[in-house]
Amino acid sequence: MENIVINPKNPKHFYQVKRSENRVRVYLGSILLADTKNALLLKELGNEIYDGIYYIPREDISNKYLTSSTHTTYCPLKGTANYFDLTW
């Protein structure tokens, strides 16, 4: 398998990332928040099998309804994640 990242401290924790073959659109009701043909699909296996997650390039996300959040999380494989809040 290609594009696999393995946690060196726990070889049973790994993920695979691939370019999505599909166009990805994100809506909130009828509001289009993101539209991309360049999404990455990440599939992760650790203590459980996680649902696939799409990562969308920032330039393909509308900033009109987003503000930076102070919330962050850390994963030993993916690093620090930053979040956004929806605002109206």
Protein backbone atom coordinates (compact mmCIF):
# COMPACT_ATOMS: atom_id res chain seq x y z
CA MET A 1 0.00 0.00 0.00
CA GLU A 2 1.20 3.49 -0.73
CA ASN A 3 0.92 6.79 1.12
CA ILE A 4 0.81 5.10 4.52
CA VAL A 5 2.16 6.77 7.65
CA ILE A 6 2.84 4.49 10.62
CA ASN A 7 3.22 5.61 14.22
CA PRO A 8 6.74 4.45 15.17
CA LYS A 9 5.70 4.03 18.82
CA ASN A 10 2.62 1.97 17.90
CA PRO A 11 2.75 0.14 14.54
CA LYS A 12 -0.97 -0.72 14.88
CA HIS A 13 -1.74 3.01 14.57
CA PHE A 14 -1.46 4.23 11.00
CA TYR A 15 -3.25 6.14 8.29
CA GLN A 16 -3.44 6.22 4.54
CA VAL A 17 -4.04 9.39 2.57
CA LYS A 18 -5.14 9.58 -1.07
CA ARG A 19 -6.35 12.29 -3.38
CA SER A 20 -10.13 12.04 -3.59
CA GLU A 21 -11.46 10.98 -6.97
CA ASN A 22 -14.67 12.93 -6.30
CA ARG A 23 -15.56 16.58 -6.22
CA VAL A 24 -16.31 17.46 -2.59
CA ARG A 25 -18.87 20.11 -1.62
CA VAL A 26 -19.78 21.11 1.93
CA TYR A 27 -23.15 22.72 2.60
CA LEU A 28 -24.79 24.12 5.68
CA GLY A 29 -28.43 24.00 4.65
CA SER A 30 -28.39 25.75 1.27
CA ILE A 31 -25.14 27.67 1.94
CA LEU A 32 -22.10 26.37 0.08
CA LEU A 33 -19.12 26.46 2.47
CA ALA A 34 -16.55 24.56 0.39
CA ASP A 35 -16.19 23.24 -3.16
CA THR A 36 -13.08 21.40 -4.32
CA LYS A 37 -11.68 18.87 -6.75
CA ASN A 38 -8.47 18.69 -4.67
CA ALA A 39 -9.61 17.08 -1.42
CA LEU A 40 -7.52 14.45 0.31
CA LEU A 41 -9.21 11.43 1.87
CA LEU A 42 -7.58 10.19 5.07
CA LYS A 43 -8.40 6.76 6.52
CA GLU A 44 -7.02 6.00 9.99
CA LEU A 45 -6.72 2.85 12.07
CA GLY A 46 -5.76 3.01 15.74
CA ASN A 47 -7.67 1.81 18.78
CA GLU A 48 -10.61 1.62 16.38
CA ILE A 49 -11.32 2.00 12.67
CA TYR A 50 -12.18 5.65 12.11
CA ASP A 51 -14.51 7.00 9.44
CA GLY A 52 -12.73 8.52 6.44
CA ILE A 53 -12.06 12.25 6.73
CA TYR A 54 -11.80 14.70 3.85
CA TYR A 55 -9.17 17.43 4.08
CA ILE A 56 -10.07 20.42 1.90
CA PRO A 57 -7.53 23.03 0.78
CA ARG A 58 -8.06 26.38 2.54
CA GLU A 59 -8.34 28.21 -0.78
CA ASP A 60 -11.44 26.11 -1.60
CA ILE A 61 -13.28 27.04 1.61
CA SER A 62 -15.40 30.17 1.92
CA ASN A 63 -14.08 32.33 4.77
CA LYS A 64 -17.30 34.33 4.84
CA TYR A 65 -18.80 32.20 7.62
CA LEU A 66 -15.65 31.01 9.42
CA THR A 67 -13.61 32.49 12.24
CA SER A 68 -10.50 30.96 13.79
CA SER A 69 -11.10 29.06 17.01
CA THR A 70 -8.66 28.72 19.89
CA HIS A 71 -9.45 24.98 20.00
CA THR A 72 -6.62 22.66 18.91
CA THR A 73 -5.96 18.93 19.10
CA TYR A 74 -2.80 16.92 18.65
CA CYS A 75 -2.20 13.57 16.94
CA PRO A 76 1.26 11.95 16.97
CA LEU A 77 0.85 11.13 13.26
CA LYS A 78 -0.86 14.22 11.86
CA GLY A 79 0.41 16.89 14.24
CA THR A 80 -1.60 19.82 15.58
CA ALA A 81 -5.05 20.52 14.14
CA ASN A 82 -6.56 23.99 14.21
CA TYR A 83 -10.31 24.54 14.12
CA PHE A 84 -12.81 27.14 12.94
CA ASP A 85 -16.19 28.26 14.24
CA LEU A 86 -19.18 28.92 12.00
CA THR A 87 -20.40 32.50 12.32
CA TRP A 88 -23.46 34.23 10.88
